[in-house]
């Protein structure tokens, strides 16, 4: 897998692994099976509730086309709908533990998913996926044309988890939290914060630590009461563990 470095607006580099071509293809196959299951269920419903042939002979052409168009909508808009509702994942992507993200570090928006969906017509629809497959193979970030157009990439969430790389902290039973507003963060936010801090410390990059502290303050509304930026970030991580473990 290739490494994908996302440079955030705070000039903090966050490293992810781009999803492999194989993972993306398998996710597509899972999504295809979900859509096939939808068609099969509809077919059974029409057989059970209606005499299929007789039903379609009893309606005119335009009524039949209207029914067909309405029933096809979940298939046509499948990726757009699920990526919008599931924050960058379809059912296939959820199964394969991969996700669509913005290259600039922001959560992808509906507009980004829409661009990916429109260009999907070229990537997959018109060429049975050949153009999209070639684009992912030759692109170092495994982006298809839709990703390039939308400024997105698909990353893997299958990180090798160790005690150091997880968000877990040994805080003890007597720990007293400092910043209740840390609950505004998510597990993924805290994981990124912890990994960025560890990387910055390993490189003795104090500038990144200060920028990371500033980012946490701007997102949560917390004011640093700990003096050193590193100490503040460590307390934020521990406080998040406290509140999430005791909720």
Protein backbone atom coordinates (compact mmCIF):
# COMPACT_ATOMS: atom_id res chain seq x y z
CA UNK A 1 0.00 0.00 0.00
CA UNK A 2 1.19 3.54 -0.75
CA UNK A 3 1.37 6.12 2.02
CA UNK A 4 -0.88 9.14 1.66
CA UNK A 5 0.23 12.33 3.39
CA UNK A 6 -2.56 14.82 4.03
CA UNK A 7 -1.45 18.38 4.72
CA UNK A 8 -4.12 20.11 6.78
CA UNK A 9 -4.92 23.82 6.71
CA UNK A 10 -2.87 24.12 9.92
CA UNK A 11 0.15 22.81 7.95
CA UNK A 12 0.19 19.58 9.95
CA UNK A 13 1.04 16.46 7.98
CA UNK A 14 -1.10 13.41 8.75
CA UNK A 15 -0.10 10.08 7.25
CA UNK A 16 -2.59 7.49 6.06
CA UNK A 17 -2.33 4.40 3.92
CA UNK A 18 -4.13 4.66 0.61
CA UNK A 19 -6.53 1.78 0.04
CA UNK A 20 -5.12 -0.75 -2.38
CA UNK A 21 -6.63 -1.43 -5.79
CA UNK A 22 -7.63 -4.88 -4.52
CA UNK A 23 -9.50 -3.45 -1.53
CA UNK A 24 -11.37 -1.00 -3.74
CA UNK A 25 -12.29 -3.69 -6.25
CA UNK A 26 -13.55 -5.99 -3.50
CA UNK A 27 -15.60 -3.12 -2.04
CA UNK A 28 -17.11 -2.57 -5.50
CA UNK A 29 -17.99 -6.28 -5.72
CA UNK A 30 -19.71 -6.16 -2.31
CA UNK A 31 -21.68 -3.10 -3.40
CA UNK A 32 -22.61 -4.84 -6.64
CA UNK A 33 -23.93 -7.82 -4.66
CA UNK A 34 -25.97 -5.48 -2.44
CA UNK A 35 -27.56 -3.91 -5.52
CA UNK A 36 -28.16 -7.35 -7.04
CA UNK A 37 -29.88 -8.42 -3.82
CA UNK A 38 -32.13 -5.35 -4.05
CA UNK A 39 -33.15 -6.31 -7.60
CA UNK A 40 -33.76 -9.92 -6.56
CA UNK A 41 -35.99 -8.86 -3.64
CA UNK A 42 -38.01 -6.59 -5.93
CA UNK A 43 -38.40 -9.44 -8.40
CA UNK A 44 -39.70 -11.73 -5.65
CA UNK A 45 -42.13 -9.08 -4.44
CA UNK A 46 -43.60 -8.66 -7.91
CA UNK A 47 -43.88 -12.43 -8.32
CA UNK A 48 -45.54 -12.90 -4.91
CA UNK A 49 -47.85 -9.90 -4.97
CA UNK A 50 -48.51 -9.67 -8.70
CA UNK A 51 -48.51 -11.92 -11.67
CA UNK A 52 -45.41 -10.28 -13.17
CA UNK A 53 -46.19 -10.80 -16.82
CA UNK A 54 -49.87 -9.96 -16.44
CA UNK A 55 -49.06 -6.84 -14.41
CA UNK A 56 -46.81 -5.34 -17.06
CA UNK A 57 -49.23 -6.28 -19.85
CA UNK A 58 -51.97 -4.41 -18.00
CA UNK A 59 -50.12 -1.07 -17.98
CA UNK A 60 -49.03 1.18 -20.83
CA UNK A 61 -45.42 1.74 -21.91
CA UNK A 62 -44.93 5.09 -20.16
CA UNK A 63 -46.37 3.84 -16.87
CA UNK A 64 -44.02 0.89 -17.06
CA UNK A 65 -41.06 3.21 -17.74
CA UNK A 66 -42.06 5.42 -14.80
CA UNK A 67 -42.23 2.42 -12.44
CA UNK A 68 -38.89 1.13 -13.74
CA UNK A 69 -37.26 4.56 -13.28
CA UNK A 70 -38.48 4.95 -9.70
CA UNK A 71 -37.41 1.45 -8.69
CA UNK A 72 -33.99 2.03 -10.30
CA UNK A 73 -33.24 5.15 -8.26
CA UNK A 74 -31.63 3.30 -5.30
CA UNK A 75 -29.24 1.60 -7.73
CA UNK A 76 -28.44 4.73 -9.74
CA UNK A 77 -27.77 6.87 -6.66
CA UNK A 78 -26.39 4.07 -4.46
CA UNK A 79 -22.83 5.36 -4.04
CA UNK A 80 -23.85 9.00 -3.71
CA UNK A 81 -26.51 8.19 -1.11
CA UNK A 82 -24.40 5.90 1.07
CA UNK A 83 -21.20 7.95 0.91
CA UNK A 84 -23.18 11.03 1.97
CA UNK A 85 -24.99 9.27 4.82
CA UNK A 86 -22.07 7.13 6.01
CA UNK A 87 -19.36 9.82 5.83
CA UNK A 88 -17.42 8.48 2.87
CA UNK A 89 -18.37 4.83 2.99
CA UNK A 90 -20.73 2.56 1.11
CA UNK A 91 -21.66 -0.86 2.47
CA UNK A 92 -18.77 -2.35 0.49
CA UNK A 93 -16.32 0.23 1.80
CA UNK A 94 -17.56 -0.36 5.34
CA UNK A 95 -16.98 -4.11 4.95
CA UNK A 96 -13.49 -3.53 3.53
CA UNK A 97 -12.71 -0.84 6.13
CA UNK A 98 -11.89 1.87 3.62
CA UNK A 99 -13.18 5.43 3.40
CA UNK A 100 -13.28 8.51 1.15
CA UNK A 101 -11.44 11.55 2.56
CA UNK A 102 -10.39 14.96 1.26
CA UNK A 103 -6.76 15.43 0.32
CA UNK A 104 -6.66 18.71 2.30
CA UNK A 105 -7.64 17.00 5.56
CA UNK A 106 -11.29 18.04 5.66
CA UNK A 107 -14.21 15.62 5.80
CA UNK A 108 -15.46 15.20 2.23
CA UNK A 109 -18.69 17.10 1.54
CA UNK A 110 -21.81 16.22 -0.42
CA UNK A 111 -20.40 18.23 -3.32
CA UNK A 112 -17.27 16.05 -3.35
CA UNK A 113 -19.35 12.86 -3.32
CA UNK A 114 -21.49 14.31 -6.12
CA UNK A 115 -18.43 14.98 -8.30
CA UNK A 116 -17.17 11.44 -7.68
CA UNK A 117 -20.60 10.08 -8.58
CA UNK A 118 -20.86 12.10 -11.82
CA UNK A 119 -17.36 11.16 -13.01
CA UNK A 120 -18.17 7.56 -12.09
CA UNK A 121 -20.11 7.50 -15.37
CA UNK A 122 -16.76 7.72 -17.17
CA UNK A 123 -14.70 5.75 -14.63
CA UNK A 124 -17.04 2.78 -14.40
CA UNK A 125 -20.32 3.18 -16.27
CA UNK A 126 -19.14 3.76 -19.85
CA UNK A 127 -16.20 1.33 -19.80
CA UNK A 128 -17.29 -1.34 -17.30
CA UNK A 129 -14.73 -0.01 -14.83
CA UNK A 130 -11.69 -0.31 -17.10
CA UNK A 131 -10.80 3.41 -17.06
CA UNK A 132 -11.25 3.60 -13.29
CA UNK A 133 -9.11 0.49 -12.78
CA UNK A 134 -6.31 1.82 -15.00
CA UNK A 135 -6.43 5.20 -13.26
CA UNK A 136 -6.09 3.58 -9.83
CA UNK A 137 -3.20 1.40 -10.97
CA UNK A 138 -1.14 4.26 -12.45
CA UNK A 139 -1.97 6.80 -9.71
CA UNK A 140 0.33 6.60 -6.68
CA UNK A 141 -2.62 7.42 -4.40
CA UNK A 142 -4.85 4.84 -6.15
CA UNK A 143 -7.22 7.62 -7.17
CA UNK A 144 -9.72 7.07 -9.95
CA UNK A 145 -10.69 10.03 -12.15
CA UNK A 146 -13.59 10.88 -9.84
CA UNK A 147 -11.18 11.18 -6.90
CA UNK A 148 -8.84 13.43 -8.87
CA UNK A 149 -11.72 15.67 -9.94
CA UNK A 150 -13.13 15.90 -6.39
CA UNK A 151 -9.78 16.21 -4.62
CA UNK A 152 -10.41 13.05 -2.63
CA UNK A 153 -8.68 9.77 -1.95
CA UNK A 154 -9.73 6.45 -0.45
CA UNK A 155 -7.79 5.41 2.62
CA UNK A 156 -7.66 2.18 4.56
CA UNK A 157 -8.83 2.16 8.18
CA UNK A 158 -7.05 -1.14 8.86
CA UNK A 159 -4.25 0.43 10.86
CA UNK A 160 -2.02 -1.90 12.84
CA UNK A 161 -3.16 -1.06 16.35
CA UNK A 162 -0.71 -1.13 19.23
CA UNK A 163 -0.95 0.42 22.69
CA UNK A 164 1.05 3.37 21.36
CA UNK A 165 -1.00 3.91 18.18
CA UNK A 166 -4.44 3.44 19.73
CA UNK A 167 -6.27 6.18 21.60
CA UNK A 168 -6.19 4.17 24.84
CA UNK A 169 -4.38 5.73 27.79
CA UNK A 170 -3.82 4.33 31.28
CA UNK A 171 -5.41 7.09 33.35
CA UNK A 172 -6.08 5.25 36.62
CA UNK A 173 -9.19 5.29 38.78
CA UNK A 174 -8.27 8.53 40.57
CA UNK A 175 -7.74 10.60 37.44
CA UNK A 176 -9.39 14.05 37.48
CA UNK A 177 -10.14 15.51 34.02
CA UNK A 178 -9.38 19.12 33.12
CA UNK A 179 -11.18 19.84 29.86
CA UNK A 180 -14.82 18.66 29.55
CA UNK A 181 -15.01 20.10 26.02
CA UNK A 182 -12.87 17.22 24.71
CA UNK A 183 -16.15 15.36 24.12
CA UNK A 184 -16.45 17.44 20.94
CA UNK A 185 -13.73 15.24 19.49
CA UNK A 186 -14.21 11.79 17.96
CA UNK A 187 -12.19 8.61 18.36
CA UNK A 188 -10.62 9.24 14.96
CA UNK A 189 -9.73 12.84 15.93
CA UNK A 190 -7.96 11.65 19.06
CA UNK A 191 -6.16 8.89 17.18
CA UNK A 192 -4.86 11.44 14.66
CA UNK A 193 -3.87 13.82 17.48
CA UNK A 194 -1.95 11.09 19.30
CA UNK A 195 -0.21 9.82 16.16
CA UNK A 196 0.73 13.36 15.08
CA UNK A 197 2.14 14.12 18.53
CA UNK A 198 4.20 10.93 18.53
CA UNK A 199 5.55 11.64 15.06
CA UNK A 200 6.40 15.24 15.96
CA UNK A 201 8.19 14.15 19.15
CA UNK A 202 10.20 11.53 17.27
CA UNK A 203 11.38 14.28 14.90
CA UNK A 204 11.73 16.90 17.65
CA UNK A 205 9.39 19.09 15.60
CA UNK A 206 8.16 21.60 18.18
CA UNK A 207 6.50 23.74 15.51
CA UNK A 208 4.09 20.95 14.58
CA UNK A 209 3.25 20.38 18.25
CA UNK A 210 2.34 24.05 18.69
CA UNK A 211 0.20 24.00 15.52
CA UNK A 212 -1.50 20.82 16.70
CA UNK A 213 -2.27 22.52 20.02
CA UNK A 214 -3.71 25.53 18.18
CA UNK A 215 -5.89 23.25 16.04
CA UNK A 216 -7.28 21.45 19.10
CA UNK A 217 -8.11 24.78 20.75
CA UNK A 218 -9.87 26.11 17.63
CA UNK A 219 -11.95 22.95 17.14
CA UNK A 220 -12.97 22.37 20.76
CA UNK A 221 -12.98 25.87 22.23
CA UNK A 222 -10.59 24.72 24.97
CA UNK A 223 -7.98 27.17 26.28
CA UNK A 224 -4.61 25.71 27.18
CA UNK A 225 -4.12 25.83 30.96
CA UNK A 226 -1.12 23.52 31.00
CA UNK A 227 1.69 25.75 29.79
CA UNK A 228 3.65 23.54 27.41
CA UNK A 229 1.83 22.53 24.22
CA UNK A 230 2.94 18.90 24.61
CA UNK A 231 1.52 18.68 28.15
CA UNK A 232 -1.75 20.22 26.98
CA UNK A 233 -2.14 17.68 24.17
CA UNK A 234 -1.40 14.76 26.50
CA UNK A 235 -4.05 16.00 28.95
CA UNK A 236 -6.58 16.32 26.12
CA UNK A 237 -5.95 12.70 25.13
CA UNK A 238 -6.27 11.48 28.73
CA UNK A 239 -9.40 13.57 29.33
CA UNK A 240 -11.01 12.11 26.22
CA UNK A 241 -10.24 8.62 27.51
CA UNK A 242 -11.75 9.53 30.89
CA UNK A 243 -15.03 10.84 29.49
CA UNK A 244 -15.49 8.10 26.88
CA UNK A 245 -14.70 5.32 29.36
CA UNK A 246 -17.10 6.71 31.97
CA UNK A 247 -20.08 7.64 29.77
